[in-house]
Amino acid sequence: MTVSARRARPEAPVERSALTDAAPPGAPARKRRADPRAARTIENIITAAQNVMMNHGTPRITAQEVCDAAEISRGTLYRYFPSMEAVLEAVVLRLRTETDEELSHAMAGCKTPAERFAAFLKYSVSNNETHRGAQFLHVEPAFVLQYFESNFDHFIARVLTALESVFDAWERDIGVVVDRSAIAEMMVRLALSETIVSARDGKPLALRLQATIDAVLKGLKAA
């Protein structure tokens, strides 16, 4: 059963938040320290679900498989997540956050716009989000496609942030304002398409086009 067909588990008693203590009626809730054991359990569940998705061979993932991998009961799973869809959302949110951080780290040491653009292209075609997205697509296709759609604006914003100084340099060199949003969207759509259909000859199209892009920019700069 794919995620599109999943239904949330019937409502169960909600565990009291780990961030507040009970307070008398009308009084503000008091903050308390988060429960580290609960945080570890949540991370364990997310990791287990991620591992099941990566190693599963059929388009189906069940709550019991996640519980077995995490070595917890179904009651514990549903104490922290209202449904399996919520578990999978936590998996992809972790993956998206990791990708944001890894891209920033990959480009941190670049000294010139050209180096930054090359580092961006290299990372964008070989990151965990792309690799695992392709794996997850075979397990939970409906969910992954929905993830792509709902996070599309985030992916574009990621590119715009990463390449801001690159776009600035291009505009200075060629004396023309570039359509940054269009370029960012093109790059995102390119990456998503290669998640669904593998690159030909094993070499991503973005890297194959890099030399052509560099030559065009060099020619425009000299004109």
N, C-alpha and C. Protein backbone atom coordinates (compact mmCIF):
# COMPACT_ATOMS: atom_id res chain seq x y z
N MET A 1 0.85 -1.20 0.00
CA MET A 1 0.00 0.00 0.00
C MET A 1 0.88 1.23 0.00
N THR A 2 0.73 2.09 -0.98
CA THR A 2 1.54 3.30 -1.05
C THR A 2 0.98 4.35 -0.14
N VAL A 3 1.76 5.42 0.05
CA VAL A 3 1.35 6.45 1.00
C VAL A 3 0.07 7.13 0.58
N SER A 4 -0.15 7.28 -0.74
CA SER A 4 -1.36 7.94 -1.19
C SER A 4 -2.61 7.21 -0.71
N ALA A 5 -2.46 5.91 -0.45
CA ALA A 5 -3.60 5.12 0.00
C ALA A 5 -3.63 4.96 1.51
N ARG A 6 -2.63 5.49 2.20
CA ARG A 6 -2.57 5.33 3.65
C ARG A 6 -3.64 6.19 4.33
N ARG A 7 -4.07 5.72 5.48
CA ARG A 7 -4.97 6.51 6.30
C ARG A 7 -4.36 6.60 7.68
N ALA A 8 -4.50 7.77 8.27
CA ALA A 8 -3.93 7.96 9.60
C ALA A 8 -4.59 7.01 10.59
N ARG A 9 -3.80 6.57 11.53
CA ARG A 9 -4.32 5.68 12.57
C ARG A 9 -5.38 6.42 13.38
N PRO A 10 -6.47 5.75 13.79
CA PRO A 10 -7.50 6.41 14.60
C PRO A 10 -6.88 7.13 15.77
N GLU A 11 -7.46 8.25 16.10
CA GLU A 11 -6.90 9.08 17.15
C GLU A 11 -6.77 8.32 18.46
N ALA A 12 -5.61 8.51 19.07
CA ALA A 12 -5.34 7.90 20.37
C ALA A 12 -5.03 9.01 21.35
N PRO A 13 -5.04 8.73 22.64
CA PRO A 13 -4.70 9.77 23.60
C PRO A 13 -3.34 10.37 23.27
N VAL A 14 -3.27 11.68 23.27
CA VAL A 14 -2.05 12.39 22.91
C VAL A 14 -1.18 12.54 24.14
N GLU A 15 0.08 12.17 23.98
CA GLU A 15 1.00 12.28 25.10
C GLU A 15 1.28 13.75 25.39
N ARG A 16 1.37 14.11 26.67
CA ARG A 16 1.62 15.50 27.03
C ARG A 16 2.94 15.97 26.47
N SER A 17 2.99 17.21 26.00
CA SER A 17 4.20 17.73 25.39
C SER A 17 5.38 17.65 26.34
N ALA A 18 6.53 17.35 25.75
CA ALA A 18 7.75 17.27 26.55
C ALA A 18 8.29 18.64 26.88
N LEU A 19 7.63 19.68 26.36
CA LEU A 19 8.16 21.03 26.56
C LEU A 19 7.42 21.82 27.63
N THR A 20 6.31 21.30 28.12
CA THR A 20 5.55 22.04 29.11
C THR A 20 5.13 21.15 30.25
N ASP A 21 4.92 21.76 31.41
CA ASP A 21 4.37 21.06 32.57
C ASP A 21 2.92 21.49 32.73
N ALA A 22 2.15 20.69 33.40
CA ALA A 22 0.77 21.07 33.67
C ALA A 22 0.74 22.30 34.56
N ALA A 23 -0.22 23.17 34.34
CA ALA A 23 -0.34 24.40 35.12
C ALA A 23 -1.79 24.59 35.52
N PRO A 24 -2.05 25.33 36.59
CA PRO A 24 -3.43 25.58 37.01
C PRO A 24 -4.20 26.28 35.91
N PRO A 25 -5.51 26.07 35.84
CA PRO A 25 -6.32 26.73 34.81
C PRO A 25 -6.09 28.23 34.83
N GLY A 26 -5.90 28.79 33.65
CA GLY A 26 -5.70 30.23 33.53
C GLY A 26 -4.26 30.66 33.68
N ALA A 27 -3.41 29.80 34.18
CA ALA A 27 -2.00 30.16 34.35
C ALA A 27 -1.22 29.75 33.12
N PRO A 28 -0.18 30.50 32.75
CA PRO A 28 0.62 30.14 31.57
C PRO A 28 1.37 28.83 31.80
N ALA A 29 1.51 28.05 30.71
CA ALA A 29 2.23 26.79 30.82
C ALA A 29 3.69 27.06 31.13
N ARG A 30 4.28 26.20 31.94
CA ARG A 30 5.69 26.37 32.30
C ARG A 30 6.56 25.52 31.39
N LYS A 31 7.62 26.12 30.89
CA LYS A 31 8.55 25.38 30.04
C LYS A 31 9.40 24.45 30.89
N ARG A 32 9.73 23.32 30.31
CA ARG A 32 10.65 22.41 30.97
C ARG A 32 11.60 21.83 29.92
N ARG A 33 12.62 21.23 30.39
CA ARG A 33 13.59 20.68 29.46
C ARG A 33 13.00 19.52 28.68
N ALA A 34 13.39 19.44 27.40
CA ALA A 34 12.91 18.33 26.56
C ALA A 34 13.43 17.01 27.10
N ASP A 35 12.66 15.97 26.91
CA ASP A 35 13.02 14.65 27.38
C ASP A 35 14.02 14.03 26.40
N PRO A 36 15.28 13.86 26.78
CA PRO A 36 16.28 13.31 25.85
C PRO A 36 15.96 11.89 25.40
N ARG A 37 15.31 11.12 26.27
CA ARG A 37 14.95 9.76 25.90
C ARG A 37 13.92 9.76 24.78
N ALA A 38 12.96 10.67 24.86
CA ALA A 38 11.95 10.78 23.80
C ALA A 38 12.60 11.21 22.49
N ALA A 39 13.54 12.15 22.57
CA ALA A 39 14.23 12.62 21.37
C ALA A 39 15.00 11.48 20.72
N ARG A 40 15.66 10.65 21.54
CA ARG A 40 16.41 9.51 21.00
C ARG A 40 15.46 8.51 20.34
N THR A 41 14.30 8.28 20.95
CA THR A 41 13.33 7.35 20.38
C THR A 41 12.84 7.83 19.03
N ILE A 42 12.54 9.11 18.94
CA ILE A 42 12.08 9.69 17.68
C ILE A 42 13.14 9.53 16.60
N GLU A 43 14.39 9.85 16.93
CA GLU A 43 15.47 9.71 15.96
C GLU A 43 15.64 8.25 15.56
N ASN A 44 15.48 7.35 16.51
CA ASN A 44 15.59 5.92 16.22
C ASN A 44 14.51 5.48 15.25
N ILE A 45 13.31 5.96 15.43
CA ILE A 45 12.21 5.61 14.53
C ILE A 45 12.47 6.14 13.12
N ILE A 46 12.92 7.38 13.03
CA ILE A 46 13.19 7.98 11.72
C ILE A 46 14.30 7.21 11.01
N THR A 47 15.37 6.88 11.74
CA THR A 47 16.48 6.13 11.15
C THR A 47 16.02 4.76 10.68
N ALA A 48 15.21 4.10 11.50
CA ALA A 48 14.71 2.77 11.14
C ALA A 48 13.86 2.84 9.87
N ALA A 49 12.98 3.83 9.80
CA ALA A 49 12.13 3.98 8.61
C ALA A 49 12.97 4.25 7.37
N GLN A 50 13.99 5.07 7.53
CA GLN A 50 14.88 5.39 6.41
C GLN A 50 15.60 4.13 5.93
N ASN A 51 16.07 3.33 6.86
CA ASN A 51 16.77 2.10 6.49
C ASN A 51 15.84 1.10 5.80
N VAL A 52 14.60 1.01 6.29
CA VAL A 52 13.64 0.11 5.66
C VAL A 52 13.36 0.57 4.22
N MET A 53 13.21 1.87 4.03
CA MET A 53 12.93 2.39 2.70
C MET A 53 14.10 2.13 1.75
N MET A 54 15.32 2.25 2.26
CA MET A 54 16.50 2.06 1.42
C MET A 54 16.71 0.60 1.05
N ASN A 55 16.29 -0.31 1.92
CA ASN A 55 16.57 -1.73 1.71
C ASN A 55 15.38 -2.54 1.22
N HIS A 56 14.22 -1.90 1.14
CA HIS A 56 13.01 -2.61 0.74
C HIS A 56 13.01 -2.86 -0.76
N GLY A 57 12.51 -3.99 -1.18
CA GLY A 57 12.53 -4.32 -2.59
C GLY A 57 11.20 -4.17 -3.30
N THR A 58 10.15 -3.84 -2.56
CA THR A 58 8.83 -3.71 -3.19
C THR A 58 8.19 -2.39 -2.78
N PRO A 59 7.21 -1.91 -3.56
CA PRO A 59 6.57 -0.63 -3.26
C PRO A 59 5.63 -0.70 -2.07
N ARG A 60 6.20 -0.93 -0.92
CA ARG A 60 5.37 -1.04 0.28
C ARG A 60 6.26 -0.96 1.52
N ILE A 61 5.83 -0.22 2.51
CA ILE A 61 6.52 -0.17 3.79
C ILE A 61 5.46 -0.14 4.87
N THR A 62 5.58 -0.98 5.86
CA THR A 62 4.56 -1.09 6.89
C THR A 62 5.07 -0.61 8.24
N ALA A 63 4.13 -0.30 9.10
CA ALA A 63 4.49 0.13 10.45
C ALA A 63 5.24 -0.97 11.19
N GLN A 64 4.83 -2.22 10.97
CA GLN A 64 5.49 -3.32 11.67
C GLN A 64 6.94 -3.46 11.26
N GLU A 65 7.24 -3.24 9.99
CA GLU A 65 8.63 -3.30 9.53
C GLU A 65 9.48 -2.24 10.22
N VAL A 66 8.92 -1.06 10.37
CA VAL A 66 9.64 0.03 11.04
C VAL A 66 9.83 -0.30 12.51
N CYS A 67 8.79 -0.82 13.13
CA CYS A 67 8.89 -1.19 14.55
C CYS A 67 9.94 -2.27 14.76
N ASP A 68 9.97 -3.25 13.87
CA ASP A 68 10.96 -4.32 13.98
C ASP A 68 12.37 -3.76 13.84
N ALA A 69 12.56 -2.86 12.87
CA ALA A 69 13.88 -2.28 12.64
C ALA A 69 14.32 -1.40 13.81
N ALA A 70 13.36 -0.72 14.41
CA ALA A 70 13.67 0.18 15.53
C ALA A 70 13.66 -0.55 16.87
N GLU A 71 13.18 -1.81 16.85
CA GLU A 71 13.07 -2.62 18.06
C GLU A 71 12.17 -1.94 19.10
N ILE A 72 11.00 -1.53 18.62
CA ILE A 72 10.00 -0.90 19.49
C ILE A 72 8.64 -1.53 19.20
N SER A 73 7.66 -1.24 20.04
CA SER A 73 6.31 -1.72 19.83
C SER A 73 5.54 -0.75 18.95
N ARG A 74 4.44 -1.21 18.39
CA ARG A 74 3.59 -0.32 17.59
C ARG A 74 3.04 0.81 18.46
N GLY A 75 2.76 0.51 19.72
CA GLY A 75 2.27 1.55 20.61
C GLY A 75 3.27 2.68 20.77
N THR A 76 4.56 2.32 20.86
CA THR A 76 5.60 3.35 20.97
C THR A 76 5.67 4.17 19.69
N LEU A 77 5.58 3.50 18.55
CA LEU A 77 5.62 4.23 17.27
C LEU A 77 4.52 5.27 17.22
N TYR A 78 3.29 4.85 17.54
CA TYR A 78 2.16 5.76 17.42
C TYR A 78 2.06 6.74 18.59
N ARG A 79 2.88 6.57 19.59
CA ARG A 79 2.95 7.56 20.65
C ARG A 79 3.61 8.84 20.14
N TYR A 80 4.53 8.67 19.21
CA TYR A 80 5.30 9.81 18.72
C TYR A 80 4.88 10.26 17.31
N PHE A 81 4.24 9.37 16.55
CA PHE A 81 3.80 9.69 15.20
C PHE A 81 2.37 9.22 15.01
N PRO A 82 1.49 10.09 14.53
CA PRO A 82 0.07 9.72 14.40
C PRO A 82 -0.20 8.74 13.26
N SER A 83 0.72 8.63 12.31
CA SER A 83 0.50 7.75 11.16
C SER A 83 1.83 7.42 10.51
N MET A 84 1.83 6.44 9.62
CA MET A 84 3.04 6.11 8.88
C MET A 84 3.43 7.24 7.94
N GLU A 85 2.46 7.96 7.43
CA GLU A 85 2.77 9.10 6.56
C GLU A 85 3.59 10.13 7.33
N ALA A 86 3.25 10.34 8.61
CA ALA A 86 4.01 11.28 9.43
C ALA A 86 5.44 10.81 9.63
N VAL A 87 5.63 9.50 9.75
CA VAL A 87 6.98 8.95 9.87
C VAL A 87 7.79 9.24 8.62
N LEU A 88 7.18 8.97 7.47
CA LEU A 88 7.89 9.19 6.21
C LEU A 88 8.15 10.67 5.96
N GLU A 89 7.26 11.53 6.40
CA GLU A 89 7.49 12.98 6.29
C GLU A 89 8.71 13.38 7.13
N ALA A 90 8.86 12.75 8.29
CA ALA A 90 10.02 13.04 9.13
C ALA A 90 11.30 12.58 8.46
N VAL A 91 11.23 11.45 7.75
CA VAL A 91 12.41 10.95 7.03
C VAL A 91 12.86 11.94 5.97
N VAL A 92 11.93 12.41 5.14
CA VAL A 92 12.31 13.30 4.05
C VAL A 92 12.68 14.69 4.57
N LEU A 93 12.08 15.12 5.69
CA LEU A 93 12.47 16.40 6.26
C LEU A 93 13.91 16.33 6.75
N ARG A 94 14.28 15.21 7.37
CA ARG A 94 15.66 15.03 7.79
C ARG A 94 16.59 15.08 6.57
N LEU A 95 16.20 14.38 5.52
CA LEU A 95 17.01 14.32 4.32
C LEU A 95 17.16 15.71 3.69
N ARG A 96 16.08 16.47 3.66
CA ARG A 96 16.12 17.82 3.08
C ARG A 96 17.03 18.72 3.90
N THR A 97 16.93 18.65 5.21
CA THR A 97 17.76 19.47 6.09
C THR A 97 19.23 19.10 5.95
N GLU A 98 19.52 17.80 5.89
CA GLU A 98 20.90 17.35 5.71
C GLU A 98 21.47 17.87 4.39
N THR A 99 20.65 17.87 3.34
CA THR A 99 21.11 18.34 2.04
C THR A 99 21.41 19.83 2.08
N ASP A 100 20.55 20.60 2.71
CA ASP A 100 20.80 22.04 2.87
C ASP A 100 22.15 22.29 3.54
N GLU A 101 22.39 21.56 4.61
CA GLU A 101 23.63 21.75 5.38
C GLU A 101 24.85 21.26 4.61
N GLU A 102 24.71 20.13 3.93
CA GLU A 102 25.84 19.57 3.19
C GLU A 102 26.22 20.46 2.00
N LEU A 103 25.23 21.02 1.33
CA LEU A 103 25.52 21.91 0.20
C LEU A 103 26.26 23.15 0.68
N SER A 104 25.80 23.71 1.79
CA SER A 104 26.47 24.89 2.35
C SER A 104 27.92 24.56 2.70
N HIS A 105 28.14 23.39 3.28
CA HIS A 105 29.50 22.98 3.65
C HIS A 105 30.36 22.74 2.41
N ALA A 106 29.78 22.15 1.37
CA ALA A 106 30.53 21.83 0.15
C ALA A 106 31.02 23.08 -0.56
N MET A 107 30.30 24.18 -0.40
CA MET A 107 30.64 25.41 -1.11
C MET A 107 31.38 26.41 -0.23
N ALA A 108 31.56 26.07 1.03
CA ALA A 108 32.13 27.02 1.99
C ALA A 108 33.56 27.46 1.64
N GLY A 109 34.38 26.56 1.08
CA GLY A 109 35.77 26.89 0.82
C GLY A 109 36.04 27.50 -0.54
N CYS A 110 35.00 27.71 -1.34
CA CYS A 110 35.19 28.24 -2.69
C CYS A 110 35.55 29.73 -2.64
N LYS A 111 36.59 30.11 -3.37
CA LYS A 111 37.08 31.50 -3.32
C LYS A 111 36.59 32.35 -4.48
N THR A 112 36.22 31.74 -5.58
CA THR A 112 35.77 32.50 -6.75
C THR A 112 34.39 32.02 -7.17
N PRO A 113 33.64 32.85 -7.91
CA PRO A 113 32.33 32.42 -8.42
C PRO A 113 32.43 31.17 -9.28
N ALA A 114 33.50 31.06 -10.08
CA ALA A 114 33.66 29.88 -10.94
C ALA A 114 33.83 28.61 -10.10
N GLU A 115 34.63 28.71 -9.04
CA GLU A 115 34.81 27.57 -8.14
C GLU A 115 33.49 27.22 -7.46
N ARG A 116 32.76 28.24 -7.09
CA ARG A 116 31.49 28.02 -6.40
C ARG A 116 30.48 27.32 -7.31
N PHE A 117 30.43 27.76 -8.57
CA PHE A 117 29.50 27.15 -9.52
C PHE A 117 29.89 25.70 -9.78
N ALA A 118 31.19 25.44 -9.94
CA ALA A 118 31.65 24.07 -10.18
C ALA A 118 31.34 23.18 -8.98
N ALA A 119 31.54 23.70 -7.78
CA ALA A 119 31.26 22.92 -6.57
C ALA A 119 29.77 22.63 -6.45
N PHE A 120 28.95 23.62 -6.82
CA PHE A 120 27.50 23.43 -6.77
C PHE A 120 27.07 22.32 -7.71
N LEU A 121 27.57 22.36 -8.97
CA LEU A 121 27.19 21.34 -9.93
C LEU A 121 27.64 19.96 -9.48
N LYS A 122 28.86 19.88 -8.97
CA LYS A 122 29.38 18.59 -8.52
C LYS A 122 28.54 18.03 -7.39
N TYR A 123 28.18 18.88 -6.42
CA TYR A 123 27.39 18.39 -5.29
C TYR A 123 25.95 18.08 -5.70
N SER A 124 25.39 18.90 -6.56
CA SER A 124 23.97 18.75 -6.89
C SER A 124 23.66 17.44 -7.59
N VAL A 125 24.66 16.84 -8.24
CA VAL A 125 24.40 15.59 -8.96
C VAL A 125 24.84 14.35 -8.18
N SER A 126 25.37 14.56 -6.98
CA SER A 126 25.87 13.40 -6.23
C SER A 126 25.58 13.50 -4.75
N ASN A 127 24.42 14.05 -4.40
CA ASN A 127 24.10 14.22 -2.98
C ASN A 127 23.13 13.15 -2.50
N ASN A 128 22.99 13.06 -1.19
CA ASN A 128 22.14 12.03 -0.59
C ASN A 128 20.68 12.18 -0.97
N GLU A 129 20.22 13.43 -1.12
CA GLU A 129 18.82 13.65 -1.45
C GLU A 129 18.49 13.04 -2.80
N THR A 130 19.37 13.25 -3.78
CA THR A 130 19.15 12.69 -5.12
C THR A 130 19.27 11.17 -5.10
N HIS A 131 20.31 10.68 -4.44
CA HIS A 131 20.56 9.23 -4.41
C HIS A 131 19.44 8.50 -3.67
N ARG A 132 19.10 8.96 -2.49
CA ARG A 132 18.07 8.28 -1.72
C ARG A 132 16.68 8.51 -2.30
N GLY A 133 16.49 9.70 -2.91
CA GLY A 133 15.21 9.95 -3.56
C GLY A 133 14.93 8.92 -4.64
N ALA A 134 15.98 8.57 -5.40
CA ALA A 134 15.81 7.56 -6.44
C ALA A 134 15.50 6.20 -5.83
N GLN A 135 16.14 5.89 -4.70
CA GLN A 135 15.86 4.61 -4.01
C GLN A 135 14.45 4.60 -3.45
N PHE A 136 14.06 5.68 -2.78
CA PHE A 136 12.74 5.75 -2.15
C PHE A 136 11.63 5.70 -3.19
N LEU A 137 11.94 6.17 -4.41
CA LEU A 137 10.92 6.22 -5.46
C LEU A 137 10.40 4.82 -5.78
N HIS A 138 11.23 3.81 -5.62
CA HIS A 138 10.81 2.43 -5.90
C HIS A 138 9.98 1.86 -4.76
N VAL A 139 10.09 2.46 -3.57
CA VAL A 139 9.40 1.94 -2.40
C VAL A 139 8.09 2.67 -2.15
N GLU A 140 8.14 4.00 -2.17
CA GLU A 140 6.96 4.81 -1.90
C GLU A 140 6.83 5.88 -2.99
N PRO A 141 6.53 5.48 -4.23
CA PRO A 141 6.52 6.43 -5.34
C PRO A 141 5.56 7.60 -5.17
N ALA A 142 4.36 7.33 -4.71
CA ALA A 142 3.39 8.41 -4.56
C ALA A 142 3.86 9.44 -3.54
N PHE A 143 4.43 8.95 -2.46
CA PHE A 143 4.90 9.85 -1.42
C PHE A 143 6.07 10.69 -1.90
N VAL A 144 7.02 10.07 -2.61
CA VAL A 144 8.20 10.79 -3.08
C VAL A 144 7.82 11.86 -4.10
N LEU A 145 6.92 11.53 -5.01
CA LEU A 145 6.47 12.52 -5.99
C LEU A 145 5.78 13.69 -5.31
N GLN A 146 5.00 13.40 -4.26
CA GLN A 146 4.36 14.47 -3.51
C GLN A 146 5.40 15.31 -2.79
N TYR A 147 6.46 14.66 -2.30
CA TYR A 147 7.55 15.38 -1.64
C TYR A 147 8.22 16.34 -2.61
N PHE A 148 8.49 15.88 -3.82
CA PHE A 148 9.09 16.74 -4.84
C PHE A 148 8.22 17.97 -5.09
N GLU A 149 6.92 17.73 -5.23
CA GLU A 149 6.01 18.83 -5.54
C GLU A 149 5.89 19.82 -4.39
N SER A 150 5.72 19.32 -3.18
CA SER A 150 5.49 20.21 -2.03
C SER A 150 6.75 20.96 -1.62
N ASN A 151 7.94 20.44 -2.00
CA ASN A 151 9.19 21.10 -1.63
C ASN A 151 9.86 21.80 -2.80
N PHE A 152 9.15 21.91 -3.91
CA PHE A 152 9.74 22.49 -5.12
C PHE A 152 10.25 23.91 -4.88
N ASP A 153 9.46 24.73 -4.21
CA ASP A 153 9.88 26.11 -3.92
C ASP A 153 11.11 26.14 -3.01
N HIS A 154 11.18 25.20 -2.09
CA HIS A 154 12.35 25.12 -1.21
C HIS A 154 13.59 24.79 -2.02
N PHE A 155 13.47 23.87 -2.96
CA PHE A 155 14.62 23.50 -3.79
C PHE A 155 15.11 24.70 -4.60
N ILE A 156 14.17 25.48 -5.14
CA ILE A 156 14.55 26.66 -5.92
C ILE A 156 15.24 27.69 -5.02
N ALA A 157 14.69 27.91 -3.83
CA ALA A 157 15.30 28.86 -2.89
C ALA A 157 16.71 28.41 -2.51
N ARG A 158 16.91 27.10 -2.38
CA ARG A 158 18.23 26.56 -2.06
C ARG A 158 19.24 26.94 -3.14
N VAL A 159 18.84 26.79 -4.41
CA VAL A 159 19.73 27.12 -5.53
C VAL A 159 20.01 28.62 -5.57
N LEU A 160 18.97 29.42 -5.39
CA LEU A 160 19.15 30.88 -5.43
C LEU A 160 20.11 31.35 -4.35
N THR A 161 20.02 30.77 -3.18
CA THR A 161 20.92 31.14 -2.08
C THR A 161 22.35 30.70 -2.38
N ALA A 162 22.49 29.46 -2.84
CA ALA A 162 23.82 28.91 -3.08
C ALA A 162 24.55 29.65 -4.20
N LEU A 163 23.80 30.11 -5.21
CA LEU A 163 24.44 30.71 -6.39
C LEU A 163 24.29 32.22 -6.46
N GLU A 164 23.92 32.85 -5.37
CA GLU A 164 23.72 34.30 -5.41
C GLU A 164 24.97 35.04 -5.89
N SER A 165 26.13 34.72 -5.32
CA SER A 165 27.37 35.39 -5.72
C SER A 165 27.77 35.02 -7.15
N VAL A 166 27.41 33.82 -7.60
CA VAL A 166 27.69 33.40 -8.97
C VAL A 166 26.87 34.24 -9.95
N PHE A 167 25.59 34.40 -9.66
CA PHE A 167 24.74 35.23 -10.51
C PHE A 167 25.23 36.68 -10.53
N ASP A 168 25.65 37.19 -9.38
CA ASP A 168 26.19 38.55 -9.32
C ASP A 168 27.38 38.70 -10.26
N ALA A 169 28.27 37.70 -10.24
CA ALA A 169 29.47 37.75 -11.09
C ALA A 169 29.11 37.66 -12.56
N TRP A 170 28.16 36.81 -12.90
CA TRP A 170 27.73 36.70 -14.29
C TRP A 170 27.20 38.04 -14.80
N GLU A 171 26.38 38.67 -13.99
CA GLU A 171 25.79 39.94 -14.42
C GLU A 171 26.85 41.03 -14.58
N ARG A 172 27.85 41.03 -13.71
CA ARG A 172 28.95 42.00 -13.85
C ARG A 172 29.75 41.72 -15.12
N ASP A 173 29.99 40.46 -15.40
CA ASP A 173 30.84 40.09 -16.54
C ASP A 173 30.17 40.35 -17.89
N ILE A 174 28.90 40.03 -18.00
CA ILE A 174 28.23 40.14 -19.30
C ILE A 174 27.38 41.40 -19.43
N GLY A 175 27.17 42.11 -18.32
CA GLY A 175 26.42 43.36 -18.38
C GLY A 175 24.94 43.18 -18.64
N VAL A 176 24.42 42.04 -18.31
CA VAL A 176 23.00 41.74 -18.53
C VAL A 176 22.42 41.12 -17.27
N VAL A 177 21.20 41.51 -16.92
CA VAL A 177 20.53 40.91 -15.77
C VAL A 177 20.01 39.53 -16.16
N VAL A 178 20.41 38.52 -15.42
CA VAL A 178 19.97 37.16 -15.74
C VAL A 178 18.70 36.83 -14.96
N ASP A 179 17.91 35.95 -15.53
CA ASP A 179 16.68 35.51 -14.87
C ASP A 179 17.06 34.41 -13.88
N ARG A 180 17.37 34.80 -12.67
CA ARG A 180 17.86 33.87 -11.66
C ARG A 180 16.84 32.78 -11.33
N SER A 181 15.60 33.18 -11.22
CA SER A 181 14.56 32.20 -10.88
C SER A 181 14.42 31.14 -11.96
N ALA A 182 14.50 31.56 -13.23
CA ALA A 182 14.38 30.61 -14.33
C ALA A 182 15.55 29.63 -14.33
N ILE A 183 16.76 30.14 -14.09
CA ILE A 183 17.93 29.26 -14.05
C ILE A 183 17.83 28.29 -12.89
N ALA A 184 17.43 28.78 -11.72
CA ALA A 184 17.29 27.92 -10.54
C ALA A 184 16.25 26.84 -10.79
N GLU A 185 15.11 27.24 -11.39
CA GLU A 185 14.06 26.26 -11.66
C GLU A 185 14.53 25.22 -12.66
N MET A 186 15.27 25.64 -13.67
CA MET A 186 15.79 24.71 -14.65
C MET A 186 16.70 23.67 -13.99
N MET A 187 17.56 24.13 -13.08
CA MET A 187 18.47 23.22 -12.39
C MET A 187 17.72 22.24 -11.50
N VAL A 188 16.69 22.72 -10.83
CA VAL A 188 15.89 21.84 -9.97
C VAL A 188 15.17 20.79 -10.81
N ARG A 189 14.56 21.24 -11.90
CA ARG A 189 13.84 20.29 -12.76
C ARG A 189 14.80 19.27 -13.37
N LEU A 190 16.00 19.71 -13.69
CA LEU A 190 17.00 18.80 -14.23
C LEU A 190 17.36 17.72 -13.20
N ALA A 191 17.59 18.16 -11.96
CA ALA A 191 17.95 17.21 -10.90
C ALA A 191 16.81 16.23 -10.63
N LEU A 192 15.58 16.72 -10.60
CA LEU A 192 14.44 15.84 -10.35
C LEU A 192 14.25 14.84 -11.48
N SER A 193 14.47 15.29 -12.70
CA SER A 193 14.28 14.38 -13.83
C SER A 193 15.30 13.25 -13.80
N GLU A 194 16.51 13.54 -13.35
CA GLU A 194 17.53 12.50 -13.30
C GLU A 194 17.37 11.61 -12.07
N THR A 195 16.54 12.06 -11.12
CA THR A 195 16.16 11.17 -10.01
C THR A 195 15.22 10.08 -10.52
N ILE A 196 14.38 10.47 -11.48
CA ILE A 196 13.40 9.54 -12.02
C ILE A 196 13.99 8.70 -13.15
N VAL A 197 14.75 9.35 -14.05
CA VAL A 197 15.39 8.66 -15.17
C VAL A 197 16.89 8.86 -15.04
N SER A 198 17.64 7.79 -14.86
CA SER A 198 19.09 7.87 -14.64
C SER A 198 19.79 8.55 -15.81
N ALA A 199 20.89 9.23 -15.49
CA ALA A 199 21.67 9.92 -16.51
C ALA A 199 22.25 8.93 -17.51
N ARG A 200 22.32 9.34 -18.76
CA ARG A 200 22.88 8.48 -19.80
C ARG A 200 24.39 8.37 -19.62
N ASP A 201 24.90 7.19 -19.90
CA ASP A 201 26.34 6.92 -19.78
C ASP A 201 26.86 7.17 -18.37
N GLY A 202 25.94 7.29 -17.40
CA GLY A 202 26.36 7.47 -16.02
C GLY A 202 26.90 8.84 -15.69
N LYS A 203 26.86 9.78 -16.64
CA LYS A 203 27.37 11.12 -16.37
C LYS A 203 26.22 12.12 -16.40
N PRO A 204 25.94 12.80 -15.26
CA PRO A 204 24.82 13.74 -15.19
C PRO A 204 24.91 14.83 -16.24
N LEU A 205 23.76 15.22 -16.76
CA LEU A 205 23.71 16.22 -17.82
C LEU A 205 24.32 17.55 -17.38
N ALA A 206 24.14 17.93 -16.12
CA ALA A 206 24.68 19.20 -15.64
C ALA A 206 26.19 19.26 -15.80
N LEU A 207 26.87 18.17 -15.50
CA LEU A 207 28.32 18.15 -15.64
C LEU A 207 28.73 18.12 -17.10
N ARG A 208 27.94 17.46 -17.95
CA ARG A 208 28.24 17.43 -19.37
C ARG A 208 28.10 18.82 -20.00
N LEU A 209 27.20 19.62 -19.45
CA LEU A 209 26.96 20.96 -19.98
C LEU A 209 27.89 22.02 -19.40
N GLN A 210 28.61 21.68 -18.35
CA GLN A 210 29.40 22.70 -17.65
C GLN A 210 30.42 23.37 -18.57
N ALA A 211 31.13 22.59 -19.39
CA ALA A 211 32.13 23.17 -20.29
C ALA A 211 31.47 24.12 -21.29
N THR A 212 30.28 23.75 -21.76
CA THR A 212 29.56 24.62 -22.71
C THR A 212 29.14 25.92 -22.05
N ILE A 213 28.65 25.82 -20.81
CA ILE A 213 28.24 27.02 -20.07
C ILE A 213 29.43 27.94 -19.85
N ASP A 214 30.56 27.37 -19.46
CA ASP A 214 31.76 28.17 -19.23
C ASP A 214 32.20 28.87 -20.52
N ALA A 215 32.12 28.16 -21.67
CA ALA A 215 32.54 28.75 -22.94
C ALA A 215 31.62 29.90 -23.35
N VAL A 216 30.30 29.71 -23.13
CA VAL A 216 29.36 30.76 -23.48
C VAL A 216 29.58 32.01 -22.63
N LEU A 217 29.78 31.82 -21.35
CA LEU A 217 30.02 32.97 -20.47
C LEU A 217 31.33 33.68 -20.83
N LYS A 218 32.34 32.91 -21.18
CA LYS A 218 33.61 33.50 -21.57
C LYS A 218 33.45 34.32 -22.85
N GLY A 219 32.69 33.80 -23.80
CA GLY A 219 32.45 34.52 -25.04
C GLY A 219 31.65 35.79 -24.83
N LEU A 220 30.64 35.72 -24.00
CA LEU A 220 29.84 36.91 -23.70
C LEU A 220 30.66 37.97 -23.00
N LYS A 221 31.53 37.54 -22.12
CA LYS A 221 32.39 38.47 -21.37
C LYS A 221 33.36 39.19 -22.31
N ALA A 222 33.86 38.47 -23.31
CA ALA A 222 34.82 39.06 -24.24
C ALA A 222 34.17 39.94 -25.29
N ALA A 223 32.88 39.75 -25.52
CA ALA A 223 32.18 40.50 -26.58
C ALA A 223 32.10 41.99 -26.27
